[in-house]
Amino acid sequence: RFRRPGLSRSIWTLVGPIHRLAAPRLMERAARGVA
């Protein structure tokens, strides 16, 4: 939930792709018990 929509959206535009790449990989690794 963006509290400062313009700035938040701009920042998420940069961070979002990293999140969408990393989150599933971290979850998969942890679920397999690798972490």
Full PDB file with SEQRES, HELIX, SHEET, SSBOND, CRYST1, ORIGX, SCALE, CONECT and MASTER records, all heavy atoms in Angstrom:
SEQRES   1 A   35  ARG PHE ARG ARG PRO GLY LEU SER ARG SER ILE TRP THR          
SEQRES   2 A   35  LEU VAL GLY PRO ILE HIS ARG LEU ALA ALA PRO ARG LEU          
SEQRES   3 A   35  MET GLU ARG ALA ALA ARG GLY VAL ALA                          
HELIX    1 AA1 PRO A    5  ALA A   31  1                                  27    
CRYST1    1.000    1.000    1.000  90.00  90.00  90.00 P 1           1          
ORIGX1      1.000000  0.000000  0.000000        0.00000                         
ORIGX2      0.000000  1.000000  0.000000        0.00000                         
ORIGX3      0.000000  0.000000  1.000000        0.00000                         
SCALE1      1.000000  0.000000  0.000000        0.00000                         
SCALE2      0.000000  1.000000  0.000000        0.00000                         
SCALE3      0.000000  0.000000  1.000000        0.00000                         
ATOM      1  N   ARG A   1       0.879  -1.176   0.000  1.00  0.00           N  
ATOM      2  CA  ARG A   1       0.000   0.000   0.000  1.00  0.00           C  
ATOM      3  C   ARG A   1       0.910   1.218   0.000  1.00  0.00           C  
ATOM      4  O   ARG A   1       1.707   1.402   0.921  1.00  0.00           O  
ATOM      5  CB  ARG A   1      -0.891   0.016   1.237  1.00  0.00           C  
ATOM      6  CG  ARG A   1      -1.974  -1.011   1.185  1.00  0.00           C  
ATOM      7  CD  ARG A   1      -2.975  -0.798   2.320  1.00  0.00           C  
ATOM      8  NE  ARG A   1      -3.997  -1.819   2.213  1.00  0.00           N  
ATOM      9  CZ  ARG A   1      -4.331  -2.637   3.189  1.00  0.00           C  
ATOM     10  NH1 ARG A   1      -3.747  -2.538   4.357  1.00  0.00           N  
ATOM     11  NH2 ARG A   1      -5.268  -3.531   3.008  1.00  0.00           N  
ATOM     12  N   PHE A   2       0.797   2.022  -1.022  1.00  0.00           N  
ATOM     13  CA  PHE A   2       1.668   3.182  -1.169  1.00  0.00           C  
ATOM     14  C   PHE A   2       1.130   4.349  -0.354  1.00  0.00           C  
ATOM     15  O   PHE A   2      -0.028   4.742  -0.508  1.00  0.00           O  
ATOM     16  CB  PHE A   2       1.785   3.592  -2.635  1.00  0.00           C  
ATOM     17  CG  PHE A   2       2.397   2.538  -3.523  1.00  0.00           C  
ATOM     18  CD1 PHE A   2       2.063   2.473  -4.855  1.00  0.00           C  
ATOM     19  CD2 PHE A   2       3.317   1.625  -3.030  1.00  0.00           C  
ATOM     20  CE1 PHE A   2       2.636   1.528  -5.693  1.00  0.00           C  
ATOM     21  CE2 PHE A   2       3.897   0.668  -3.854  1.00  0.00           C  
ATOM     22  CZ  PHE A   2       3.550   0.621  -5.187  1.00  0.00           C  
ATOM     23  N   ARG A   3       1.965   4.911   0.495  1.00  0.00           N  
ATOM     24  CA  ARG A   3       1.586   6.083   1.284  1.00  0.00           C  
ATOM     25  C   ARG A   3       1.915   7.369   0.529  1.00  0.00           C  
ATOM     26  O   ARG A   3       1.277   8.387   0.745  1.00  0.00           O  
ATOM     27  CB  ARG A   3       2.297   6.045   2.629  1.00  0.00           C  
ATOM     28  CG  ARG A   3       1.793   4.902   3.477  1.00  0.00           C  
ATOM     29  CD  ARG A   3       2.315   4.958   4.868  1.00  0.00           C  
ATOM     30  NE  ARG A   3       1.567   3.969   5.665  1.00  0.00           N  
ATOM     31  CZ  ARG A   3       2.096   3.271   6.632  1.00  0.00           C  
ATOM     32  NH1 ARG A   3       3.358   3.450   6.973  1.00  0.00           N  
ATOM     33  NH2 ARG A   3       1.366   2.402   7.296  1.00  0.00           N  
ATOM     34  N   ARG A   4       2.942   7.320  -0.286  1.00  0.00           N  
ATOM     35  CA  ARG A   4       3.317   8.437  -1.164  1.00  0.00           C  
ATOM     36  C   ARG A   4       3.313   7.864  -2.577  1.00  0.00           C  
ATOM     37  O   ARG A   4       4.351   7.442  -3.085  1.00  0.00           O  
ATOM     38  CB  ARG A   4       4.678   8.979  -0.771  1.00  0.00           C  
ATOM     39  CG  ARG A   4       4.652   9.533   0.669  1.00  0.00           C  
ATOM     40  CD  ARG A   4       5.799  10.387   1.039  1.00  0.00           C  
ATOM     41  NE  ARG A   4       6.085  11.410   0.066  1.00  0.00           N  
ATOM     42  CZ  ARG A   4       7.286  11.973  -0.061  1.00  0.00           C  
ATOM     43  NH1 ARG A   4       8.272  11.615   0.728  1.00  0.00           N  
ATOM     44  NH2 ARG A   4       7.498  12.893  -0.950  1.00  0.00           N  
ATOM     45  N   PRO A   5       2.131   7.803  -3.197  1.00  0.00           N  
ATOM     46  CA  PRO A   5       1.966   7.040  -4.443  1.00  0.00           C  
ATOM     47  C   PRO A   5       2.980   7.325  -5.542  1.00  0.00           C  
ATOM     48  O   PRO A   5       3.525   6.395  -6.131  1.00  0.00           O  
ATOM     49  CB  PRO A   5       0.541   7.390  -4.889  1.00  0.00           C  
ATOM     50  CG  PRO A   5      -0.154   7.737  -3.611  1.00  0.00           C  
ATOM     51  CD  PRO A   5       0.880   8.409  -2.762  1.00  0.00           C  
ATOM     52  N   GLY A   6       3.257   8.567  -5.842  1.00  0.00           N  
ATOM     53  CA  GLY A   6       4.187   8.865  -6.932  1.00  0.00           C  
ATOM     54  C   GLY A   6       5.588   8.360  -6.648  1.00  0.00           C  
ATOM     55  O   GLY A   6       6.188   7.637  -7.460  1.00  0.00           O  
ATOM     56  N   LEU A   7       6.129   8.708  -5.500  1.00  0.00           N  
ATOM     57  CA  LEU A   7       7.474   8.293  -5.130  1.00  0.00           C  
ATOM     58  C   LEU A   7       7.542   6.778  -4.917  1.00  0.00           C  
ATOM     59  O   LEU A   7       8.471   6.116  -5.378  1.00  0.00           O  
ATOM     60  CB  LEU A   7       7.925   9.034  -3.866  1.00  0.00           C  
ATOM     61  CG  LEU A   7       9.328   8.729  -3.357  1.00  0.00           C  
ATOM     62  CD1 LEU A   7      10.376   9.006  -4.435  1.00  0.00           C  
ATOM     63  CD2 LEU A   7       9.608   9.542  -2.098  1.00  0.00           C  
ATOM     64  N   SER A   8       6.552   6.229  -4.236  1.00  0.00           N  
ATOM     65  CA  SER A   8       6.530   4.786  -3.963  1.00  0.00           C  
ATOM     66  C   SER A   8       6.496   3.985  -5.261  1.00  0.00           C  
ATOM     67  O   SER A   8       7.217   2.994  -5.416  1.00  0.00           O  
ATOM     68  CB  SER A   8       5.320   4.419  -3.107  1.00  0.00           C  
ATOM     69  OG  SER A   8       5.379   5.075  -1.871  1.00  0.00           O  
ATOM     70  N   ARG A   9       5.658   4.404  -6.184  1.00  0.00           N  
ATOM     71  CA  ARG A   9       5.546   3.699  -7.470  1.00  0.00           C  
ATOM     72  C   ARG A   9       6.868   3.768  -8.241  1.00  0.00           C  
ATOM     73  O   ARG A   9       7.309   2.787  -8.834  1.00  0.00           O  
ATOM     74  CB  ARG A   9       4.399   4.290  -8.303  1.00  0.00           C  
ATOM     75  CG  ARG A   9       3.998   3.433  -9.469  1.00  0.00           C  
ATOM     76  CD  ARG A   9       2.733   3.921 -10.156  1.00  0.00           C  
ATOM     77  NE  ARG A   9       1.635   4.269  -9.290  1.00  0.00           N  
ATOM     78  CZ  ARG A   9       0.823   3.411  -8.676  1.00  0.00           C  
ATOM     79  NH1 ARG A   9       1.012   2.123  -8.827  1.00  0.00           N  
ATOM     80  NH2 ARG A   9      -0.161   3.832  -7.908  1.00  0.00           N  
ATOM     81  N   SER A  10       7.526   4.917  -8.210  1.00  0.00           N  
ATOM     82  CA  SER A  10       8.815   5.059  -8.894  1.00  0.00           C  
ATOM     83  C   SER A  10       9.860   4.123  -8.294  1.00  0.00           C  
ATOM     84  O   SER A  10      10.619   3.470  -9.023  1.00  0.00           O  
ATOM     85  CB  SER A  10       9.321   6.509  -8.792  1.00  0.00           C  
ATOM     86  OG  SER A  10       8.452   7.368  -9.466  1.00  0.00           O  
ATOM     87  N   ILE A  11       9.915   4.074  -6.976  1.00  0.00           N  
ATOM     88  CA  ILE A  11      10.881   3.198  -6.312  1.00  0.00           C  
ATOM     89  C   ILE A  11      10.552   1.740  -6.604  1.00  0.00           C  
ATOM     90  O   ILE A  11      11.443   0.939  -6.907  1.00  0.00           O  
ATOM     91  CB  ILE A  11      10.917   3.488  -4.793  1.00  0.00           C  
ATOM     92  CG1 ILE A  11      11.546   4.858  -4.565  1.00  0.00           C  
ATOM     93  CG2 ILE A  11      11.670   2.396  -4.036  1.00  0.00           C  
ATOM     94  CD1 ILE A  11      11.438   5.364  -3.149  1.00  0.00           C  
ATOM     95  N   TRP A  12       9.268   1.377  -6.534  1.00  0.00           N  
ATOM     96  CA  TRP A  12       8.892  -0.013  -6.780  1.00  0.00           C  
ATOM     97  C   TRP A  12       9.153  -0.411  -8.236  1.00  0.00           C  
ATOM     98  O   TRP A  12       9.431  -1.578  -8.525  1.00  0.00           O  
ATOM     99  CB  TRP A  12       7.446  -0.292  -6.374  1.00  0.00           C  
ATOM    100  CG  TRP A  12       7.162  -1.754  -6.421  1.00  0.00           C  
ATOM    101  CD1 TRP A  12       6.357  -2.424  -7.297  1.00  0.00           C  
ATOM    102  CD2 TRP A  12       7.742  -2.761  -5.578  1.00  0.00           C  
ATOM    103  NE1 TRP A  12       6.396  -3.778  -7.041  1.00  0.00           N  
ATOM    104  CE2 TRP A  12       7.245  -4.007  -5.991  1.00  0.00           C  
ATOM    105  CE3 TRP A  12       8.642  -2.724  -4.510  1.00  0.00           C  
ATOM    106  CZ2 TRP A  12       7.604  -5.203  -5.386  1.00  0.00           C  
ATOM    107  CZ3 TRP A  12       8.994  -3.913  -3.905  1.00  0.00           C  
ATOM    108  CH2 TRP A  12       8.483  -5.138  -4.344  1.00  0.00           C  
ATOM    109  N   THR A  13       9.090   0.525  -9.153  1.00  0.00           N  
ATOM    110  CA  THR A  13       9.416   0.236 -10.548  1.00  0.00           C  
ATOM    111  C   THR A  13      10.853  -0.270 -10.664  1.00  0.00           C  
ATOM    112  O   THR A  13      11.153  -1.132 -11.494  1.00  0.00           O  
ATOM    113  CB  THR A  13       9.213   1.497 -11.419  1.00  0.00           C  
ATOM    114  OG1 THR A  13       7.834   1.861 -11.366  1.00  0.00           O  
ATOM    115  CG2 THR A  13       9.612   1.262 -12.863  1.00  0.00           C  
ATOM    116  N   LEU A  14      11.738   0.214  -9.804  1.00  0.00           N  
ATOM    117  CA  LEU A  14      13.129  -0.235  -9.804  1.00  0.00           C  
ATOM    118  C   LEU A  14      13.322  -1.517  -8.993  1.00  0.00           C  
ATOM    119  O   LEU A  14      14.063  -2.407  -9.390  1.00  0.00           O  
ATOM    120  CB  LEU A  14      14.036   0.859  -9.239  1.00  0.00           C  
ATOM    121  CG  LEU A  14      14.044   2.176 -10.007  1.00  0.00           C  
ATOM    122  CD1 LEU A  14      14.835   3.227  -9.241  1.00  0.00           C  
ATOM    123  CD2 LEU A  14      14.608   1.976 -11.402  1.00  0.00           C  
ATOM    124  N   VAL A  15      12.662  -1.609  -7.845  1.00  0.00           N  
ATOM    125  CA  VAL A  15      12.862  -2.743  -6.931  1.00  0.00           C  
ATOM    126  C   VAL A  15      12.001  -3.943  -7.328  1.00  0.00           C  
ATOM    127  O   VAL A  15      12.404  -5.090  -7.145  1.00  0.00           O  
ATOM    128  CB  VAL A  15      12.568  -2.319  -5.475  1.00  0.00           C  
ATOM    129  CG1 VAL A  15      12.658  -3.498  -4.520  1.00  0.00           C  
ATOM    130  CG2 VAL A  15      13.522  -1.215  -5.046  1.00  0.00           C  
ATOM    131  N   GLY A  16      10.834  -3.699  -7.887  1.00  0.00           N  
ATOM    132  CA  GLY A  16       9.897  -4.768  -8.234  1.00  0.00           C  
ATOM    133  C   GLY A  16      10.502  -5.894  -9.068  1.00  0.00           C  
ATOM    134  O   GLY A  16      10.320  -7.072  -8.739  1.00  0.00           O  
ATOM    135  N   PRO A  17      11.230  -5.598 -10.132  1.00  0.00           N  
ATOM    136  CA  PRO A  17      11.820  -6.689 -10.919  1.00  0.00           C  
ATOM    137  C   PRO A  17      12.804  -7.549 -10.117  1.00  0.00           C  
ATOM    138  O   PRO A  17      12.864  -8.770 -10.310  1.00  0.00           O  
ATOM    139  CB  PRO A  17      12.531  -5.956 -12.062  1.00  0.00           C  
ATOM    140  CG  PRO A  17      11.794  -4.661 -12.192  1.00  0.00           C  
ATOM    141  CD  PRO A  17      11.383  -4.297 -10.786  1.00  0.00           C  
ATOM    142  N   ILE A  18      13.538  -6.927  -9.213  1.00  0.00           N  
ATOM    143  CA  ILE A  18      14.454  -7.695  -8.355  1.00  0.00           C  
ATOM    144  C   ILE A  18      13.636  -8.617  -7.447  1.00  0.00           C  
ATOM    145  O   ILE A  18      13.959  -9.795  -7.287  1.00  0.00           O  
ATOM    146  CB  ILE A  18      15.342  -6.748  -7.518  1.00  0.00           C  
ATOM    147  CG1 ILE A  18      16.208  -5.904  -8.439  1.00  0.00           C  
ATOM    148  CG2 ILE A  18      16.190  -7.545  -6.518  1.00  0.00           C  
ATOM    149  CD1 ILE A  18      16.875  -4.726  -7.749  1.00  0.00           C  
ATOM    150  N   HIS A  19      12.569  -8.084  -6.874  1.00  0.00           N  
ATOM    151  CA  HIS A  19      11.685  -8.878  -6.007  1.00  0.00           C  
ATOM    152  C   HIS A  19      11.096 -10.062  -6.775  1.00  0.00           C  
ATOM    153  O   HIS A  19      11.112 -11.189  -6.286  1.00  0.00           O  
ATOM    154  CB  HIS A  19      10.560  -7.987  -5.458  1.00  0.00           C  
ATOM    155  CG  HIS A  19       9.402  -8.749  -4.938  1.00  0.00           C  
ATOM    156  ND1 HIS A  19       9.417  -9.379  -3.709  1.00  0.00           N  
ATOM    157  CD2 HIS A  19       8.182  -9.012  -5.478  1.00  0.00           C  
ATOM    158  CE1 HIS A  19       8.257  -9.983  -3.513  1.00  0.00           C  
ATOM    159  NE2 HIS A  19       7.500  -9.786  -4.570  1.00  0.00           N  
ATOM    160  N   ARG A  20      10.596  -9.810  -7.984  1.00  0.00           N  
ATOM    161  CA  ARG A  20       9.955 -10.872  -8.760  1.00  0.00           C  
ATOM    162  C   ARG A  20      10.946 -11.942  -9.211  1.00  0.00           C  
ATOM    163  O   ARG A  20      10.555 -13.082  -9.460  1.00  0.00           O  
ATOM    164  CB  ARG A  20       9.188 -10.268  -9.941  1.00  0.00           C  
ATOM    165  CG  ARG A  20       7.942  -9.516  -9.483  1.00  0.00           C  
ATOM    166  CD  ARG A  20       7.103  -9.020 -10.640  1.00  0.00           C  
ATOM    167  NE  ARG A  20       7.750  -7.978 -11.409  1.00  0.00           N  
ATOM    168  CZ  ARG A  20       7.740  -6.682 -11.109  1.00  0.00           C  
ATOM    169  NH1 ARG A  20       7.119  -6.269 -10.017  1.00  0.00           N  
ATOM    170  NH2 ARG A  20       8.346  -5.805 -11.881  1.00  0.00           N  
ATOM    171  N   LEU A  21      12.199 -11.596  -9.282  1.00  0.00           N  
ATOM    172  CA  LEU A  21      13.242 -12.567  -9.602  1.00  0.00           C  
ATOM    173  C   LEU A  21      13.689 -13.318  -8.339  1.00  0.00           C  
ATOM    174  O   LEU A  21      13.811 -14.540  -8.338  1.00  0.00           O  
ATOM    175  CB  LEU A  21      14.431 -11.849 -10.241  1.00  0.00           C  
ATOM    176  CG  LEU A  21      15.596 -12.707 -10.678  1.00  0.00           C  
ATOM    177  CD1 LEU A  21      15.181 -13.606 -11.839  1.00  0.00           C  
ATOM    178  CD2 LEU A  21      16.767 -11.825 -11.077  1.00  0.00           C  
ATOM    179  N   ALA A  22      13.921 -12.590  -7.254  1.00  0.00           N  
ATOM    180  CA  ALA A  22      14.499 -13.184  -6.046  1.00  0.00           C  
ATOM    181  C   ALA A  22      13.493 -13.937  -5.182  1.00  0.00           C  
ATOM    182  O   ALA A  22      13.818 -15.014  -4.657  1.00  0.00           O  
ATOM    183  CB  ALA A  22      15.168 -12.097  -5.204  1.00  0.00           C  
ATOM    184  N   ALA A  23      12.304 -13.412  -4.997  1.00  0.00           N  
ATOM    185  CA  ALA A  23      11.344 -14.012  -4.054  1.00  0.00           C  
ATOM    186  C   ALA A  23      11.034 -15.473  -4.364  1.00  0.00           C  
ATOM    187  O   ALA A  23      11.114 -16.320  -3.459  1.00  0.00           O  
ATOM    188  CB  ALA A  23      10.060 -13.177  -3.989  1.00  0.00           C  
ATOM    189  N   PRO A  24      10.702 -15.842  -5.596  1.00  0.00           N  
ATOM    190  CA  PRO A  24      10.417 -17.252  -5.847  1.00  0.00           C  
ATOM    191  C   PRO A  24      11.644 -18.150  -5.636  1.00  0.00           C  
ATOM    192  O   PRO A  24      11.513 -19.274  -5.158  1.00  0.00           O  
ATOM    193  CB  PRO A  24       9.959 -17.305  -7.306  1.00  0.00           C  
ATOM    194  CG  PRO A  24       9.832 -15.925  -7.779  1.00  0.00           C  
ATOM    195  CD  PRO A  24      10.453 -15.015  -6.776  1.00  0.00           C  
ATOM    196  N   ARG A  25      12.810 -17.643  -5.967  1.00  0.00           N  
ATOM    197  CA  ARG A  25      14.028 -18.439  -5.782  1.00  0.00           C  
ATOM    198  C   ARG A  25      14.345 -18.655  -4.303  1.00  0.00           C  
ATOM    199  O   ARG A  25      14.727 -19.743  -3.895  1.00  0.00           O  
ATOM    200  CB  ARG A  25      15.205 -17.780  -6.503  1.00  0.00           C  
ATOM    201  CG  ARG A  25      15.121 -17.967  -8.003  1.00  0.00           C  
ATOM    202  CD  ARG A  25      16.184 -17.164  -8.736  1.00  0.00           C  
ATOM    203  NE  ARG A  25      16.173 -17.421 -10.155  1.00  0.00           N  
ATOM    204  CZ  ARG A  25      15.275 -16.958 -11.010  1.00  0.00           C  
ATOM    205  NH1 ARG A  25      14.271 -16.229 -10.589  1.00  0.00           N  
ATOM    206  NH2 ARG A  25      15.345 -17.242 -12.298  1.00  0.00           N  
ATOM    207  N   LEU A  26      14.205 -17.603  -3.505  1.00  0.00           N  
ATOM    208  CA  LEU A  26      14.441 -17.732  -2.068  1.00  0.00           C  
ATOM    209  C   LEU A  26      13.432 -18.687  -1.441  1.00  0.00           C  
ATOM    210  O   LEU A  26      13.783 -19.510  -0.593  1.00  0.00           O  
ATOM    211  CB  LEU A  26      14.369 -16.365  -1.387  1.00  0.00           C  
ATOM    212  CG  LEU A  26      15.492 -15.392  -1.713  1.00  0.00           C  
ATOM    213  CD1 LEU A  26      15.176 -14.014  -1.138  1.00  0.00           C  
ATOM    214  CD2 LEU A  26      16.825 -15.901  -1.213  1.00  0.00           C  
ATOM    215  N   MET A  27      12.176 -18.588  -1.878  1.00  0.00           N  
ATOM    216  CA  MET A  27      11.136 -19.454  -1.340  1.00  0.00           C  
ATOM    217  C   MET A  27      11.400 -20.910  -1.725  1.00  0.00           C  
ATOM    218  O   MET A  27      11.291 -21.811  -0.879  1.00  0.00           O  
ATOM    219  CB  MET A  27       9.766 -19.001  -1.850  1.00  0.00           C  
ATOM    220  CG  MET A  27       8.615 -19.620  -1.100  1.00  0.00           C  
ATOM    221  SD  MET A  27       7.037 -18.842  -1.460  1.00  0.00           S  
ATOM    222  CE  MET A  27       6.665 -19.541  -3.042  1.00  0.00           C  
ATOM    223  N   GLU A  28      11.763 -21.143  -2.959  1.00  0.00           N  
ATOM    224  CA  GLU A  28      12.058 -22.510  -3.421  1.00  0.00           C  
ATOM    225  C   GLU A  28      13.224 -23.096  -2.643  1.00  0.00           C  
ATOM    226  O   GLU A  28      13.178 -24.239  -2.160  1.00  0.00           O  
ATOM    227  CB  GLU A  28      12.366 -22.513  -4.913  1.00  0.00           C  
ATOM    228  CG  GLU A  28      12.903 -23.826  -5.442  1.00  0.00           C  
ATOM    229  CD  GLU A  28      11.892 -24.944  -5.461  1.00  0.00           C  
ATOM    230  OE1 GLU A  28      10.701 -24.678  -5.634  1.00  0.00           O  
ATOM    231  OE2 GLU A  28      12.295 -26.118  -5.295  1.00  0.00           O  
ATOM    232  N   ARG A  29      14.266 -22.330  -2.483  1.00  0.00           N  
ATOM    233  CA  ARG A  29      15.455 -22.774  -1.755  1.00  0.00           C  
ATOM    234  C   ARG A  29      15.112 -23.121  -0.305  1.00  0.00           C  
ATOM    235  O   ARG A  29      15.525 -24.147   0.217  1.00  0.00           O  
ATOM    236  CB  ARG A  29      16.490 -21.652  -1.813  1.00  0.00           C  
ATOM    237  CG  ARG A  29      17.828 -21.964  -1.236  1.00  0.00           C  
ATOM    238  CD  ARG A  29      18.769 -20.778  -1.522  1.00  0.00           C  
ATOM    239  NE  ARG A  29      20.117 -21.101  -1.136  1.00  0.00           N  
ATOM    240  CZ  ARG A  29      20.605 -20.906   0.079  1.00  0.00           C  
ATOM    241  NH1 ARG A  29      19.845 -20.383   1.012  1.00  0.00           N  
ATOM    242  NH2 ARG A  29      21.841 -21.231   0.359  1.00  0.00           N  
ATOM    243  N   ALA A  30      14.337 -22.268   0.325  1.00  0.00           N  
ATOM    244  CA  ALA A  30      13.947 -22.508   1.717  1.00  0.00           C  
ATOM    245  C   ALA A  30      13.019 -23.707   1.835  1.00  0.00           C  
ATOM    246  O   ALA A  30      13.155 -24.514   2.761  1.00  0.00           O  
ATOM    247  CB  ALA A  30      13.271 -21.263   2.283  1.00  0.00           C  
ATOM    248  N   ALA A  31      12.093 -23.856   0.901  1.00  0.00           N  
ATOM    249  CA  ALA A  31      11.146 -24.989   0.957  1.00  0.00           C  
ATOM    250  C   ALA A  31      11.854 -26.323   0.773  1.00  0.00           C  
ATOM    251  O   ALA A  31      11.453 -27.337   1.349  1.00  0.00           O  
ATOM    252  CB  ALA A  31      10.062 -24.817  -0.109  1.00  0.00           C  
ATOM    253  N   ARG A  32      12.928 -26.324  -0.006  1.00  0.00           N  
ATOM    254  CA  ARG A  32      13.717 -27.548  -0.203  1.00  0.00           C  
ATOM    255  C   ARG A  32      14.617 -27.843   0.979  1.00  0.00           C  
ATOM    256  O   ARG A  32      15.251 -28.889   1.036  1.00  0.00           O  
ATOM    257  CB  ARG A  32      14.578 -27.441  -1.461  1.00  0.00           C  
ATOM    258  CG  ARG A  32      13.810 -27.569  -2.746  1.00  0.00           C  
ATOM    259  CD  ARG A  32      14.749 -27.518  -3.909  1.00  0.00           C  
ATOM    260  NE  ARG A  32      15.523 -26.272  -3.780  1.00  0.00           N  
ATOM    261  CZ  ARG A  32      16.642 -26.002  -4.428  1.00  0.00           C  
ATOM    262  NH1 ARG A  32      17.154 -26.871  -5.238  1.00  0.00           N  
ATOM    263  NH2 ARG A  32      17.264 -24.867  -4.269  1.00  0.00           N  
ATOM    264  N   GLY A  33      14.723 -26.872   1.896  1.00  0.00           N  
ATOM    265  CA  GLY A  33      15.563 -27.077   3.063  1.00  0.00           C  
ATOM    266  C   GLY A  33      17.016 -26.759   2.815  1.00  0.00           C  
ATOM    267  O   GLY A  33      17.880 -27.140   3.584  1.00  0.00           O  
ATOM    268  N   VAL A  34      17.303 -26.000   1.743  1.00  0.00           N  
ATOM    269  CA  VAL A  34      18.680 -25.646   1.426  1.00  0.00           C  
ATOM    270  C   VAL A  34      19.176 -24.542   2.342  1.00  0.00           C  
ATOM    271  O   VAL A  34      20.333 -24.493   2.701  1.00  0.00           O  
ATOM    272  CB  VAL A  34      18.814 -25.205  -0.063  1.00  0.00           C  
ATOM    273  CG1 VAL A  34      20.209 -24.700  -0.347  1.00  0.00           C  
ATOM    274  CG2 VAL A  34      18.452 -26.366  -0.957  1.00  0.00           C  
ATOM    275  N   ALA A  35      18.273 -23.648   2.720  1.00  0.00           N  
ATOM    276  CA  ALA A  35      18.685 -22.487   3.529  1.00  0.00           C  
ATOM    277  C   ALA A  35      19.082 -22.922   4.922  1.00  0.00           C  
ATOM    278  O   ALA A  35      18.680 -23.909   5.432  1.00  0.00           O  
ATOM    279  CB  ALA A  35      17.544 -21.479   3.603  1.00  0.00           C  
TER     280      ALA A  35                                                      
MASTER        0    0    0    1    0    0    0    6  279    1    0    3          
END                                                                             
